Amino acid sequence: TRGIDQAVHGLETARLAIVKVCQRIE
């Protein structure tokens, strides 16, 4: 469960980075 939790947090970090990039482009 710790491994899954770390994966979730990593993916959320990546998603937020892409959201910021998308907002800047727009």
mmCIF file of all heavy atoms, coordinates in Angstrom:
data_MODEL
# 
_entry.id   MODEL 
# 
loop_
_atom_site.group_PDB 
_atom_site.id 
_atom_site.type_symbol 
_atom_site.label_atom_id 
_atom_site.label_alt_id 
_atom_site.label_comp_id 
_atom_site.label_asym_id 
_atom_site.label_entity_id 
_atom_site.label_seq_id 
_atom_site.pdbx_PDB_ins_code 
_atom_site.Cartn_x 
_atom_site.Cartn_y 
_atom_site.Cartn_z 
_atom_site.occupancy 
_atom_site.B_iso_or_equiv 
_atom_site.pdbx_formal_charge 
_atom_site.auth_seq_id 
_atom_site.auth_comp_id 
_atom_site.auth_asym_id 
_atom_site.auth_atom_id 
_atom_site.pdbx_PDB_model_num 
ATOM 1   N N   . THR A 1 1  ? 0.823  -1.210 0.000   1.00 0.00 ? 1  THR A N   1 
ATOM 2   C CA  . THR A 1 1  ? 0.000  0.000  0.000   1.00 0.00 ? 1  THR A CA  1 
ATOM 3   C C   . THR A 1 1  ? 0.859  1.263  0.000   1.00 0.00 ? 1  THR A C   1 
ATOM 4   O O   . THR A 1 1  ? 0.481  2.265  -0.605  1.00 0.00 ? 1  THR A O   1 
ATOM 5   C CB  . THR A 1 1  ? -0.994 0.023  1.179   1.00 0.00 ? 1  THR A CB  1 
ATOM 6   O OG1 . THR A 1 1  ? -0.293 -0.115 2.410   1.00 0.00 ? 1  THR A OG1 1 
ATOM 7   C CG2 . THR A 1 1  ? -2.031 -1.074 1.037   1.00 0.00 ? 1  THR A CG2 1 
ATOM 8   N N   . ARG A 1 2  ? 2.009  1.213  0.640   1.00 0.00 ? 2  ARG A N   1 
ATOM 9   C CA  . ARG A 1 2  ? 2.922  2.365  0.581   1.00 0.00 ? 2  ARG A CA  1 
ATOM 10  C C   . ARG A 1 2  ? 3.418  2.599  -0.837  1.00 0.00 ? 2  ARG A C   1 
ATOM 11  O O   . ARG A 1 2  ? 3.536  3.738  -1.285  1.00 0.00 ? 2  ARG A O   1 
ATOM 12  C CB  . ARG A 1 2  ? 4.113  2.162  1.510   1.00 0.00 ? 2  ARG A CB  1 
ATOM 13  C CG  . ARG A 1 2  ? 3.815  2.500  2.936   1.00 0.00 ? 2  ARG A CG  1 
ATOM 14  C CD  . ARG A 1 2  ? 5.064  2.419  3.782   1.00 0.00 ? 2  ARG A CD  1 
ATOM 15  N NE  . ARG A 1 2  ? 4.765  2.736  5.163   1.00 0.00 ? 2  ARG A NE  1 
ATOM 16  C CZ  . ARG A 1 2  ? 5.563  2.456  6.170   1.00 0.00 ? 2  ARG A CZ  1 
ATOM 17  N NH1 . ARG A 1 2  ? 6.719  1.842  5.955   1.00 0.00 ? 2  ARG A NH1 1 
ATOM 18  N NH2 . ARG A 1 2  ? 5.224  2.779  7.401   1.00 0.00 ? 2  ARG A NH2 1 
ATOM 19  N N   . GLY A 1 3  ? 3.732  1.536  -1.534  1.00 0.00 ? 3  GLY A N   1 
ATOM 20  C CA  . GLY A 1 3  ? 4.175  1.652  -2.926  1.00 0.00 ? 3  GLY A CA  1 
ATOM 21  C C   . GLY A 1 3  ? 3.102  2.268  -3.809  1.00 0.00 ? 3  GLY A C   1 
ATOM 22  O O   . GLY A 1 3  ? 3.380  3.151  -4.629  1.00 0.00 ? 3  GLY A O   1 
ATOM 23  N N   . ILE A 1 4  ? 1.873  1.800  -3.642  1.00 0.00 ? 4  ILE A N   1 
ATOM 24  C CA  . ILE A 1 4  ? 0.751  2.358  -4.408  1.00 0.00 ? 4  ILE A CA  1 
ATOM 25  C C   . ILE A 1 4  ? 0.556  3.825  -4.051  1.00 0.00 ? 4  ILE A C   1 
ATOM 26  O O   . ILE A 1 4  ? 0.376  4.679  -4.925  1.00 0.00 ? 4  ILE A O   1 
ATOM 27  C CB  . ILE A 1 4  ? -0.545 1.558  -4.158  1.00 0.00 ? 4  ILE A CB  1 
ATOM 28  C CG1 . ILE A 1 4  ? -0.399 0.113  -4.632  1.00 0.00 ? 4  ILE A CG1 1 
ATOM 29  C CG2 . ILE A 1 4  ? -1.736 2.236  -4.823  1.00 0.00 ? 4  ILE A CG2 1 
ATOM 30  C CD1 . ILE A 1 4  ? -0.277 -0.053 -6.123  1.00 0.00 ? 4  ILE A CD1 1 
ATOM 31  N N   . ASP A 1 5  ? 0.627  4.140  -2.765  1.00 0.00 ? 5  ASP A N   1 
ATOM 32  C CA  . ASP A 1 5  ? 0.455  5.518  -2.311  1.00 0.00 ? 5  ASP A CA  1 
ATOM 33  C C   . ASP A 1 5  ? 1.536  6.428  -2.903  1.00 0.00 ? 5  ASP A C   1 
ATOM 34  O O   . ASP A 1 5  ? 1.245  7.544  -3.349  1.00 0.00 ? 5  ASP A O   1 
ATOM 35  C CB  . ASP A 1 5  ? 0.481  5.564  -0.782  1.00 0.00 ? 5  ASP A CB  1 
ATOM 36  C CG  . ASP A 1 5  ? 0.043  6.895  -0.233  1.00 0.00 ? 5  ASP A CG  1 
ATOM 37  O OD1 . ASP A 1 5  ? -1.044 7.368  -0.636  1.00 0.00 ? 5  ASP A OD1 1 
ATOM 38  O OD2 . ASP A 1 5  ? 0.770  7.478  0.588   1.00 0.00 ? 5  ASP A OD2 1 
ATOM 39  N N   . GLN A 1 6  ? 2.769  5.959  -2.938  1.00 0.00 ? 6  GLN A N   1 
ATOM 40  C CA  . GLN A 1 6  ? 3.847  6.741  -3.534  1.00 0.00 ? 6  GLN A CA  1 
ATOM 41  C C   . GLN A 1 6  ? 3.612  6.965  -5.024  1.00 0.00 ? 6  GLN A C   1 
ATOM 42  O O   . GLN A 1 6  ? 3.881  8.049  -5.552  1.00 0.00 ? 6  GLN A O   1 
ATOM 43  C CB  . GLN A 1 6  ? 5.195  6.060  -3.303  1.00 0.00 ? 6  GLN A CB  1 
ATOM 44  C CG  . GLN A 1 6  ? 5.662  6.113  -1.874  1.00 0.00 ? 6  GLN A CG  1 
ATOM 45  C CD  . GLN A 1 6  ? 6.894  5.265  -1.634  1.00 0.00 ? 6  GLN A CD  1 
ATOM 46  O OE1 . GLN A 1 6  ? 7.350  4.524  -2.497  1.00 0.00 ? 6  GLN A OE1 1 
ATOM 47  N NE2 . GLN A 1 6  ? 7.435  5.364  -0.432  1.00 0.00 ? 6  GLN A NE2 1 
ATOM 48  N N   . ALA A 1 7  ? 3.106  5.943  -5.686  1.00 0.00 ? 7  ALA A N   1 
ATOM 49  C CA  . ALA A 1 7  ? 2.803  6.075  -7.113  1.00 0.00 ? 7  ALA A CA  1 
ATOM 50  C C   . ALA A 1 7  ? 1.713  7.124  -7.335  1.00 0.00 ? 7  ALA A C   1 
ATOM 51  O O   . ALA A 1 7  ? 1.822  7.950  -8.256  1.00 0.00 ? 7  ALA A O   1 
ATOM 52  C CB  . ALA A 1 7  ? 2.365  4.726  -7.691  1.00 0.00 ? 7  ALA A CB  1 
ATOM 53  N N   . VAL A 1 8  ? 0.681  7.109  -6.510  1.00 0.00 ? 8  VAL A N   1 
ATOM 54  C CA  . VAL A 1 8  ? -0.402 8.087  -6.618  1.00 0.00 ? 8  VAL A CA  1 
ATOM 55  C C   . VAL A 1 8  ? 0.150  9.498  -6.446  1.00 0.00 ? 8  VAL A C   1 
ATOM 56  O O   . VAL A 1 8  ? -0.153 10.400 -7.239  1.00 0.00 ? 8  VAL A O   1 
ATOM 57  C CB  . VAL A 1 8  ? -1.525 7.803  -5.588  1.00 0.00 ? 8  VAL A CB  1 
ATOM 58  C CG1 . VAL A 1 8  ? -2.476 8.981  -5.472  1.00 0.00 ? 8  VAL A CG1 1 
ATOM 59  C CG2 . VAL A 1 8  ? -2.277 6.539  -5.961  1.00 0.00 ? 8  VAL A CG2 1 
ATOM 60  N N   . HIS A 1 9  ? 0.981  9.685  -5.434  1.00 0.00 ? 9  HIS A N   1 
ATOM 61  C CA  . HIS A 1 9  ? 1.545  11.015 -5.199  1.00 0.00 ? 9  HIS A CA  1 
ATOM 62  C C   . HIS A 1 9  ? 2.447  11.452 -6.348  1.00 0.00 ? 9  HIS A C   1 
ATOM 63  O O   . HIS A 1 9  ? 2.422  12.623 -6.757  1.00 0.00 ? 9  HIS A O   1 
ATOM 64  C CB  . HIS A 1 9  ? 2.302  11.049 -3.871  1.00 0.00 ? 9  HIS A CB  1 
ATOM 65  C CG  . HIS A 1 9  ? 1.402  11.015 -2.689  1.00 0.00 ? 9  HIS A CG  1 
ATOM 66  N ND1 . HIS A 1 9  ? 0.580  12.062 -2.339  1.00 0.00 ? 9  HIS A ND1 1 
ATOM 67  C CD2 . HIS A 1 9  ? 1.168  10.045 -1.778  1.00 0.00 ? 9  HIS A CD2 1 
ATOM 68  C CE1 . HIS A 1 9  ? -0.110 11.749 -1.262  1.00 0.00 ? 9  HIS A CE1 1 
ATOM 69  N NE2 . HIS A 1 9  ? 0.217  10.518 -0.905  1.00 0.00 ? 9  HIS A NE2 1 
ATOM 70  N N   . GLY A 1 10 ? 3.223  10.538 -6.893  1.00 0.00 ? 10 GLY A N   1 
ATOM 71  C CA  . GLY A 1 10 ? 4.077  10.858 -8.029  1.00 0.00 ? 10 GLY A CA  1 
ATOM 72  C C   . GLY A 1 10 ? 3.281  11.242 -9.266  1.00 0.00 ? 10 GLY A C   1 
ATOM 73  O O   . GLY A 1 10 ? 3.614  12.208 -9.960  1.00 0.00 ? 10 GLY A O   1 
ATOM 74  N N   . LEU A 1 11 ? 2.220  10.499 -9.531  1.00 0.00 ? 11 LEU A N   1 
ATOM 75  C CA  . LEU A 1 11 ? 1.370  10.808 -10.684 1.00 0.00 ? 11 LEU A CA  1 
ATOM 76  C C   . LEU A 1 11 ? 0.645  12.135 -10.509 1.00 0.00 ? 11 LEU A C   1 
ATOM 77  O O   . LEU A 1 11 ? 0.481  12.893 -11.466 1.00 0.00 ? 11 LEU A O   1 
ATOM 78  C CB  . LEU A 1 11 ? 0.368  9.680  -10.923 1.00 0.00 ? 11 LEU A CB  1 
ATOM 79  C CG  . LEU A 1 11 ? 0.963  8.384  -11.447 1.00 0.00 ? 11 LEU A CG  1 
ATOM 80  C CD1 . LEU A 1 11 ? -0.065 7.264  -11.391 1.00 0.00 ? 11 LEU A CD1 1 
ATOM 81  C CD2 . LEU A 1 11 ? 1.501  8.556  -12.854 1.00 0.00 ? 11 LEU A CD2 1 
ATOM 82  N N   . GLU A 1 12 ? 0.228  12.435 -9.288  1.00 0.00 ? 12 GLU A N   1 
ATOM 83  C CA  . GLU A 1 12 ? -0.423 13.719 -9.014  1.00 0.00 ? 12 GLU A CA  1 
ATOM 84  C C   . GLU A 1 12 ? 0.550  14.877 -9.220  1.00 0.00 ? 12 GLU A C   1 
ATOM 85  O O   . GLU A 1 12 ? 0.184  15.920 -9.761  1.00 0.00 ? 12 GLU A O   1 
ATOM 86  C CB  . GLU A 1 12 ? -0.994 13.752 -7.600  1.00 0.00 ? 12 GLU A CB  1 
ATOM 87  C CG  . GLU A 1 12 ? -2.406 13.248 -7.507  1.00 0.00 ? 12 GLU A CG  1 
ATOM 88  C CD  . GLU A 1 12 ? -3.371 14.086 -8.329  1.00 0.00 ? 12 GLU A CD  1 
ATOM 89  O OE1 . GLU A 1 12 ? -3.594 15.268 -8.030  1.00 0.00 ? 12 GLU A OE1 1 
ATOM 90  O OE2 . GLU A 1 12 ? -3.919 13.530 -9.294  1.00 0.00 ? 12 GLU A OE2 1 
ATOM 91  N N   . THR A 1 13 ? 1.797  14.693 -8.810  1.00 0.00 ? 13 THR A N   1 
ATOM 92  C CA  . THR A 1 13 ? 2.817  15.706 -9.022  1.00 0.00 ? 13 THR A CA  1 
ATOM 93  C C   . THR A 1 13 ? 3.024  15.938 -10.519 1.00 0.00 ? 13 THR A C   1 
ATOM 94  O O   . THR A 1 13 ? 3.091  17.084 -10.984 1.00 0.00 ? 13 THR A O   1 
ATOM 95  C CB  . THR A 1 13 ? 4.142  15.288 -8.351  1.00 0.00 ? 13 THR A CB  1 
ATOM 96  O OG1 . THR A 1 13 ? 3.918  15.141 -6.951  1.00 0.00 ? 13 THR A OG1 1 
ATOM 97  C CG2 . THR A 1 13 ? 5.235  16.307 -8.590  1.00 0.00 ? 13 THR A CG2 1 
ATOM 98  N N   . ALA A 1 14 ? 3.098  14.858 -11.268 1.00 0.00 ? 14 ALA A N   1 
ATOM 99  C CA  . ALA A 1 14 ? 3.262  14.958 -12.714 1.00 0.00 ? 14 ALA A CA  1 
ATOM 100 C C   . ALA A 1 14 ? 2.055  15.633 -13.359 1.00 0.00 ? 14 ALA A C   1 
ATOM 101 O O   . ALA A 1 14 ? 2.194  16.495 -14.232 1.00 0.00 ? 14 ALA A O   1 
ATOM 102 C CB  . ALA A 1 14 ? 3.469  13.566 -13.313 1.00 0.00 ? 14 ALA A CB  1 
ATOM 103 N N   . ARG A 1 15 ? 0.862  15.258 -12.910 1.00 0.00 ? 15 ARG A N   1 
ATOM 104 C CA  . ARG A 1 15 ? -0.357 15.855 -13.475 1.00 0.00 ? 15 ARG A CA  1 
ATOM 105 C C   . ARG A 1 15 ? -0.392 17.356 -13.227 1.00 0.00 ? 15 ARG A C   1 
ATOM 106 O O   . ARG A 1 15 ? -0.688 18.139 -14.130 1.00 0.00 ? 15 ARG A O   1 
ATOM 107 C CB  . ARG A 1 15 ? -1.598 15.193 -12.865 1.00 0.00 ? 15 ARG A CB  1 
ATOM 108 C CG  . ARG A 1 15 ? -2.908 15.660 -13.504 1.00 0.00 ? 15 ARG A CG  1 
ATOM 109 C CD  . ARG A 1 15 ? -4.109 15.119 -12.744 1.00 0.00 ? 15 ARG A CD  1 
ATOM 110 N NE  . ARG A 1 15 ? -4.224 15.706 -11.423 1.00 0.00 ? 15 ARG A NE  1 
ATOM 111 C CZ  . ARG A 1 15 ? -4.739 16.925 -11.174 1.00 0.00 ? 15 ARG A CZ  1 
ATOM 112 N NH1 . ARG A 1 15 ? -5.164 17.691 -12.161 1.00 0.00 ? 15 ARG A NH1 1 
ATOM 113 N NH2 . ARG A 1 15 ? -4.823 17.374 -9.939  1.00 0.00 ? 15 ARG A NH2 1 
ATOM 114 N N   . LEU A 1 16 ? -0.057 17.771 -12.024 1.00 0.00 ? 16 LEU A N   1 
ATOM 115 C CA  . LEU A 1 16 ? -0.065 19.203 -11.705 1.00 0.00 ? 16 LEU A CA  1 
ATOM 116 C C   . LEU A 1 16 ? 0.967  19.963 -12.525 1.00 0.00 ? 16 LEU A C   1 
ATOM 117 O O   . LEU A 1 16 ? 0.718  21.101 -12.941 1.00 0.00 ? 16 LEU A O   1 
ATOM 118 C CB  . LEU A 1 16 ? 0.172  19.419 -10.216 1.00 0.00 ? 16 LEU A CB  1 
ATOM 119 C CG  . LEU A 1 16 ? -0.989 18.993 -9.316  1.00 0.00 ? 16 LEU A CG  1 
ATOM 120 C CD1 . LEU A 1 16 ? -0.585 19.107 -7.855  1.00 0.00 ? 16 LEU A CD1 1 
ATOM 121 C CD2 . LEU A 1 16 ? -2.232 19.814 -9.600  1.00 0.00 ? 16 LEU A CD2 1 
ATOM 122 N N   . ALA A 1 17 ? 2.106  19.348 -12.785 1.00 0.00 ? 17 ALA A N   1 
ATOM 123 C CA  . ALA A 1 17 ? 3.116  19.992 -13.627 1.00 0.00 ? 17 ALA A CA  1 
ATOM 124 C C   . ALA A 1 17 ? 2.573  20.204 -15.041 1.00 0.00 ? 17 ALA A C   1 
ATOM 125 O O   . ALA A 1 17 ? 2.742  21.285 -15.623 1.00 0.00 ? 17 ALA A O   1 
ATOM 126 C CB  . ALA A 1 17 ? 4.389  19.145 -13.667 1.00 0.00 ? 17 ALA A CB  1 
ATOM 127 N N   . ILE A 1 18 ? 1.889  19.209 -15.577 1.00 0.00 ? 18 ILE A N   1 
ATOM 128 C CA  . ILE A 1 18 ? 1.318  19.329 -16.923 1.00 0.00 ? 18 ILE A CA  1 
ATOM 129 C C   . ILE A 1 18 ? 0.188  20.354 -16.931 1.00 0.00 ? 18 ILE A C   1 
ATOM 130 O O   . ILE A 1 18 ? 0.030  21.101 -17.895 1.00 0.00 ? 18 ILE A O   1 
ATOM 131 C CB  . ILE A 1 18 ? 0.827  17.954 -17.434 1.00 0.00 ? 18 ILE A CB  1 
ATOM 132 C CG1 . ILE A 1 18 ? 1.996  16.979 -17.549 1.00 0.00 ? 18 ILE A CG1 1 
ATOM 133 C CG2 . ILE A 1 18 ? 0.109  18.079 -18.762 1.00 0.00 ? 18 ILE A CG2 1 
ATOM 134 C CD1 . ILE A 1 18 ? 3.038  17.351 -18.573 1.00 0.00 ? 18 ILE A CD1 1 
ATOM 135 N N   . VAL A 1 19 ? -0.604 20.418 -15.878 1.00 0.00 ? 19 VAL A N   1 
ATOM 136 C CA  . VAL A 1 19 ? -1.669 21.427 -15.785 1.00 0.00 ? 19 VAL A CA  1 
ATOM 137 C C   . VAL A 1 19 ? -1.061 22.826 -15.869 1.00 0.00 ? 19 VAL A C   1 
ATOM 138 O O   . VAL A 1 19 ? -1.558 23.684 -16.603 1.00 0.00 ? 19 VAL A O   1 
ATOM 139 C CB  . VAL A 1 19 ? -2.484 21.258 -14.477 1.00 0.00 ? 19 VAL A CB  1 
ATOM 140 C CG1 . VAL A 1 19 ? -3.346 22.477 -14.204 1.00 0.00 ? 19 VAL A CG1 1 
ATOM 141 C CG2 . VAL A 1 19 ? -3.356 20.011 -14.556 1.00 0.00 ? 19 VAL A CG2 1 
ATOM 142 N N   . LYS A 1 20 ? 0.028  23.053 -15.147 1.00 0.00 ? 20 LYS A N   1 
ATOM 143 C CA  . LYS A 1 20 ? 0.682  24.363 -15.177 1.00 0.00 ? 20 LYS A CA  1 
ATOM 144 C C   . LYS A 1 20 ? 1.207  24.689 -16.566 1.00 0.00 ? 20 LYS A C   1 
ATOM 145 O O   . LYS A 1 20 ? 1.058  25.819 -17.046 1.00 0.00 ? 20 LYS A O   1 
ATOM 146 C CB  . LYS A 1 20 ? 1.825  24.408 -14.163 1.00 0.00 ? 20 LYS A CB  1 
ATOM 147 C CG  . LYS A 1 20 ? 1.363  24.417 -12.726 1.00 0.00 ? 20 LYS A CG  1 
ATOM 148 C CD  . LYS A 1 20 ? 2.555  24.367 -11.780 1.00 0.00 ? 20 LYS A CD  1 
ATOM 149 C CE  . LYS A 1 20 ? 2.118  24.209 -10.345 1.00 0.00 ? 20 LYS A CE  1 
ATOM 150 N NZ  . LYS A 1 20 ? 3.272  24.061 -9.442  1.00 0.00 ? 20 LYS A NZ  1 
ATOM 151 N N   . VAL A 1 21 ? 1.821  23.721 -17.219 1.00 0.00 ? 21 VAL A N   1 
ATOM 152 C CA  . VAL A 1 21 ? 2.325  23.923 -18.584 1.00 0.00 ? 21 VAL A CA  1 
ATOM 153 C C   . VAL A 1 21 ? 1.169  24.284 -19.511 1.00 0.00 ? 21 VAL A C   1 
ATOM 154 O O   . VAL A 1 21 ? 1.256  25.228 -20.300 1.00 0.00 ? 21 VAL A O   1 
ATOM 155 C CB  . VAL A 1 21 ? 3.056  22.663 -19.093 1.00 0.00 ? 21 VAL A CB  1 
ATOM 156 C CG1 . VAL A 1 21 ? 3.316  22.739 -20.585 1.00 0.00 ? 21 VAL A CG1 1 
ATOM 157 C CG2 . VAL A 1 21 ? 4.341  22.445 -18.318 1.00 0.00 ? 21 VAL A CG2 1 
ATOM 158 N N   . CYS A 1 22 ? 0.088  23.542 -19.411 1.00 0.00 ? 22 CYS A N   1 
ATOM 159 C CA  . CYS A 1 22 ? -1.084 23.779 -20.259 1.00 0.00 ? 22 CYS A CA  1 
ATOM 160 C C   . CYS A 1 22 ? -1.649 25.181 -20.016 1.00 0.00 ? 22 CYS A C   1 
ATOM 161 O O   . CYS A 1 22 ? -1.983 25.894 -20.968 1.00 0.00 ? 22 CYS A O   1 
ATOM 162 C CB  . CYS A 1 22 ? -2.141 22.712 -19.977 1.00 0.00 ? 22 CYS A CB  1 
ATOM 163 S SG  . CYS A 1 22 ? -3.495 22.677 -21.149 1.00 0.00 ? 22 CYS A SG  1 
ATOM 164 N N   . GLN A 1 23 ? -1.728 25.588 -18.763 1.00 0.00 ? 23 GLN A N   1 
ATOM 165 C CA  . GLN A 1 23 ? -2.241 26.924 -18.443 1.00 0.00 ? 23 GLN A CA  1 
ATOM 166 C C   . GLN A 1 23 ? -1.344 28.011 -19.025 1.00 0.00 ? 23 GLN A C   1 
ATOM 167 O O   . GLN A 1 23 ? -1.835 28.990 -19.583 1.00 0.00 ? 23 GLN A O   1 
ATOM 168 C CB  . GLN A 1 23 ? -2.359 27.105 -16.928 1.00 0.00 ? 23 GLN A CB  1 
ATOM 169 C CG  . GLN A 1 23 ? -3.493 26.325 -16.325 1.00 0.00 ? 23 GLN A CG  1 
ATOM 170 C CD  . GLN A 1 23 ? -3.486 26.348 -14.801 1.00 0.00 ? 23 GLN A CD  1 
ATOM 171 O OE1 . GLN A 1 23 ? -2.483 26.675 -14.166 1.00 0.00 ? 23 GLN A OE1 1 
ATOM 172 N NE2 . GLN A 1 23 ? -4.615 25.979 -14.202 1.00 0.00 ? 23 GLN A NE2 1 
ATOM 173 N N   . ARG A 1 24 ? -0.028 27.838 -18.909 1.00 0.00 ? 24 ARG A N   1 
ATOM 174 C CA  . ARG A 1 24 ? 0.900  28.828 -19.472 1.00 0.00 ? 24 ARG A CA  1 
ATOM 175 C C   . ARG A 1 24 ? 0.760  28.935 -20.988 1.00 0.00 ? 24 ARG A C   1 
ATOM 176 O O   . ARG A 1 24 ? 0.762  30.026 -21.538 1.00 0.00 ? 24 ARG A O   1 
ATOM 177 C CB  . ARG A 1 24 ? 2.345  28.482 -19.105 1.00 0.00 ? 24 ARG A CB  1 
ATOM 178 C CG  . ARG A 1 24 ? 2.697  28.913 -17.729 1.00 0.00 ? 24 ARG A CG  1 
ATOM 179 C CD  . ARG A 1 24 ? 4.204  28.806 -17.499 1.00 0.00 ? 24 ARG A CD  1 
ATOM 180 N NE  . ARG A 1 24 ? 4.390  28.357 -16.138 1.00 0.00 ? 24 ARG A NE  1 
ATOM 181 C CZ  . ARG A 1 24 ? 4.909  27.203 -15.760 1.00 0.00 ? 24 ARG A CZ  1 
ATOM 182 N NH1 . ARG A 1 24 ? 5.355  26.361 -16.642 1.00 0.00 ? 24 ARG A NH1 1 
ATOM 183 N NH2 . ARG A 1 24 ? 4.999  26.891 -14.492 1.00 0.00 ? 24 ARG A NH2 1 
ATOM 184 N N   . ILE A 1 25 ? 0.643  27.791 -21.642 1.00 0.00 ? 25 ILE A N   1 
ATOM 185 C CA  . ILE A 1 25 ? 0.489  27.790 -23.098 1.00 0.00 ? 25 ILE A CA  1 
ATOM 186 C C   . ILE A 1 25 ? -0.802 28.496 -23.490 1.00 0.00 ? 25 ILE A C   1 
ATOM 187 O O   . ILE A 1 25 ? -0.824 29.315 -24.416 1.00 0.00 ? 25 ILE A O   1 
ATOM 188 C CB  . ILE A 1 25 ? 0.520  26.352 -23.659 1.00 0.00 ? 25 ILE A CB  1 
ATOM 189 C CG1 . ILE A 1 25 ? 1.926  25.774 -23.538 1.00 0.00 ? 25 ILE A CG1 1 
ATOM 190 C CG2 . ILE A 1 25 ? 0.040  26.312 -25.105 1.00 0.00 ? 25 ILE A CG2 1 
ATOM 191 C CD1 . ILE A 1 25 ? 2.012  24.298 -23.861 1.00 0.00 ? 25 ILE A CD1 1 
ATOM 192 N N   . GLU A 1 26 ? -1.894 28.180 -22.789 1.00 0.00 ? 26 GLU A N   1 
ATOM 193 C CA  . GLU A 1 26 ? -3.172 28.801 -23.113 1.00 0.00 ? 26 GLU A CA  1 
ATOM 194 C C   . GLU A 1 26 ? -3.158 30.295 -22.840 1.00 0.00 ? 26 GLU A C   1 
ATOM 195 O O   . GLU A 1 26 ? -3.708 31.075 -23.600 1.00 0.00 ? 26 GLU A O   1 
ATOM 196 C CB  . GLU A 1 26 ? -4.298 28.106 -22.355 1.00 0.00 ? 26 GLU A CB  1 
ATOM 197 C CG  . GLU A 1 26 ? -4.564 26.705 -22.875 1.00 0.00 ? 26 GLU A CG  1 
ATOM 198 C CD  . GLU A 1 26 ? -5.540 25.905 -22.030 1.00 0.00 ? 26 GLU A CD  1 
ATOM 199 O OE1 . GLU A 1 26 ? -5.777 26.266 -20.871 1.00 0.00 ? 26 GLU A OE1 1 
ATOM 200 O OE2 . GLU A 1 26 ? -6.054 24.898 -22.555 1.00 0.00 ? 26 GLU A OE2 1 
# 
